[in-house]
Amino acid sequence: MQHFDIPDMTCGHCVMTITQAVQSVDAAAQVQADLATHSIGVTSTASAASLSAAIAAAGYANTTRA
């Protein structure tokens, strides 16, 4: 599972938008969001860089967490 910190993710709409962005790269990706920590976990075969770029293109700054 890949983890991303997304400071601007604050609501369900944000989660939906980010999930759609991730799934535009990998339609089978599974996203687990944690609004309290402003982070997501993604199970995907796509690279962290491509997922991060898709999240950024959706308007959300993000960092990959180890």
C-alpha atoms as a PDB file:
ATOM      1  CA  MET A   1       0.000   0.000   0.000  1.00  0.00           C
ATOM      2  CA  GLN A   2       1.220   3.473  -0.894  1.00  0.00           C
ATOM      3  CA  HIS A   3       0.532   6.351   1.505  1.00  0.00           C
ATOM      4  CA  PHE A   4       0.065  10.032   0.711  1.00  0.00           C
ATOM      5  CA  ASP A   5      -0.312  13.032   3.010  1.00  0.00           C
ATOM      6  CA  ILE A   6      -2.822  15.502   1.582  1.00  0.00           C
ATOM      7  CA  PRO A   7      -3.103  18.574   3.858  1.00  0.00           C
ATOM      8  CA  ASP A   8      -6.000  20.144   1.925  1.00  0.00           C
ATOM      9  CA  MET A   9      -8.239  17.044   2.107  1.00  0.00           C
ATOM     10  CA  THR A  10     -10.930  18.136   4.551  1.00  0.00           C
ATOM     11  CA  CYS A  11     -14.259  16.602   3.519  1.00  0.00           C
ATOM     12  CA  GLY A  12     -16.056  13.826   1.732  1.00  0.00           C
ATOM     13  CA  HIS A  13     -16.058  15.777  -1.525  1.00  0.00           C
ATOM     14  CA  CYS A  14     -12.272  15.979  -1.358  1.00  0.00           C
ATOM     15  CA  VAL A  15     -12.083  12.214  -0.812  1.00  0.00           C
ATOM     16  CA  MET A  16     -14.353  11.590  -3.796  1.00  0.00           C
ATOM     17  CA  THR A  17     -12.311  13.888  -6.051  1.00  0.00           C
ATOM     18  CA  ILE A  18      -9.009  12.322  -4.985  1.00  0.00           C
ATOM     19  CA  THR A  19     -10.409   8.802  -5.396  1.00  0.00           C
ATOM     20  CA  GLN A  20     -11.557   9.633  -8.917  1.00  0.00           C
ATOM     21  CA  ALA A  21      -8.123  11.091  -9.720  1.00  0.00           C
ATOM     22  CA  VAL A  22      -6.367   7.955  -8.465  1.00  0.00           C
ATOM     23  CA  GLN A  23      -8.773   5.704 -10.358  1.00  0.00           C
ATOM     24  CA  SER A  24      -8.183   7.664 -13.548  1.00  0.00           C
ATOM     25  CA  VAL A  25      -4.650   6.243 -13.424  1.00  0.00           C
ATOM     26  CA  ASP A  26      -5.654   2.760 -12.219  1.00  0.00           C
ATOM     27  CA  ALA A  27      -9.355   1.921 -12.417  1.00  0.00           C
ATOM     28  CA  ALA A  28      -8.869  -0.997 -10.018  1.00  0.00           C
ATOM     29  CA  ALA A  29      -7.121   1.084  -7.349  1.00  0.00           C
ATOM     30  CA  GLN A  30      -8.530   0.946  -3.836  1.00  0.00           C
ATOM     31  CA  VAL A  31      -8.365   4.138  -1.773  1.00  0.00           C
ATOM     32  CA  GLN A  32      -8.642   4.323   2.010  1.00  0.00           C
ATOM     33  CA  ALA A  33      -8.985   7.888   3.255  1.00  0.00           C
ATOM     34  CA  ASP A  34      -8.413   9.188   6.774  1.00  0.00           C
ATOM     35  CA  LEU A  35      -9.786  12.720   7.088  1.00  0.00           C
ATOM     36  CA  ALA A  36      -8.486  13.087  10.651  1.00  0.00           C
ATOM     37  CA  THR A  37      -4.880  12.706   9.507  1.00  0.00           C
ATOM     38  CA  HIS A  38      -5.404  14.165   6.008  1.00  0.00           C
ATOM     39  CA  SER A  39      -3.952  11.061   4.420  1.00  0.00           C
ATOM     40  CA  ILE A  40      -4.850   8.245   2.070  1.00  0.00           C
ATOM     41  CA  GLY A  41      -3.632   4.742   1.482  1.00  0.00           C
ATOM     42  CA  VAL A  42      -3.768   3.415  -2.060  1.00  0.00           C
ATOM     43  CA  THR A  43      -3.565  -0.183  -3.181  1.00  0.00           C
ATOM     44  CA  SER A  44      -2.568  -0.002  -6.835  1.00  0.00           C
ATOM     45  CA  THR A  45      -0.141  -1.317  -9.406  1.00  0.00           C
ATOM     46  CA  ALA A  46       0.528   2.252 -10.577  1.00  0.00           C
ATOM     47  CA  SER A  47       3.669   4.057  -9.473  1.00  0.00           C
ATOM     48  CA  ALA A  48       3.600   6.496  -6.578  1.00  0.00           C
ATOM     49  CA  ALA A  49       4.801   9.218  -8.944  1.00  0.00           C
ATOM     50  CA  SER A  50       1.890   8.736 -11.358  1.00  0.00           C
ATOM     51  CA  LEU A  51      -0.640   8.650  -8.517  1.00  0.00           C
ATOM     52  CA  SER A  52       0.887  11.752  -6.937  1.00  0.00           C
ATOM     53  CA  ALA A  53       0.728  13.563 -10.282  1.00  0.00           C
ATOM     54  CA  ALA A  54      -2.955  12.667 -10.696  1.00  0.00           C
ATOM     55  CA  ILE A  55      -3.748  13.901  -7.181  1.00  0.00           C
ATOM     56  CA  ALA A  56      -1.873  17.144  -7.885  1.00  0.00           C
ATOM     57  CA  ALA A  57      -3.702  17.576 -11.194  1.00  0.00           C
ATOM     58  CA  ALA A  58      -6.981  17.314  -9.246  1.00  0.00           C
ATOM     59  CA  GLY A  59      -5.835  20.321  -7.213  1.00  0.00           C
ATOM     60  CA  TYR A  60      -4.393  18.704  -4.088  1.00  0.00           C
ATOM     61  CA  ALA A  61      -0.809  19.167  -2.943  1.00  0.00           C
ATOM     62  CA  ASN A  62       0.500  15.878  -1.618  1.00  0.00           C
ATOM     63  CA  THR A  63       3.564  14.100  -0.381  1.00  0.00           C
ATOM     64  CA  THR A  64       4.374  10.416  -0.489  1.00  0.00           C
ATOM     65  CA  ARG A  65       4.871   8.891   2.922  1.00  0.00           C
ATOM     66  CA  ALA A  66       7.179   5.909   3.461  1.00  0.00           C
END
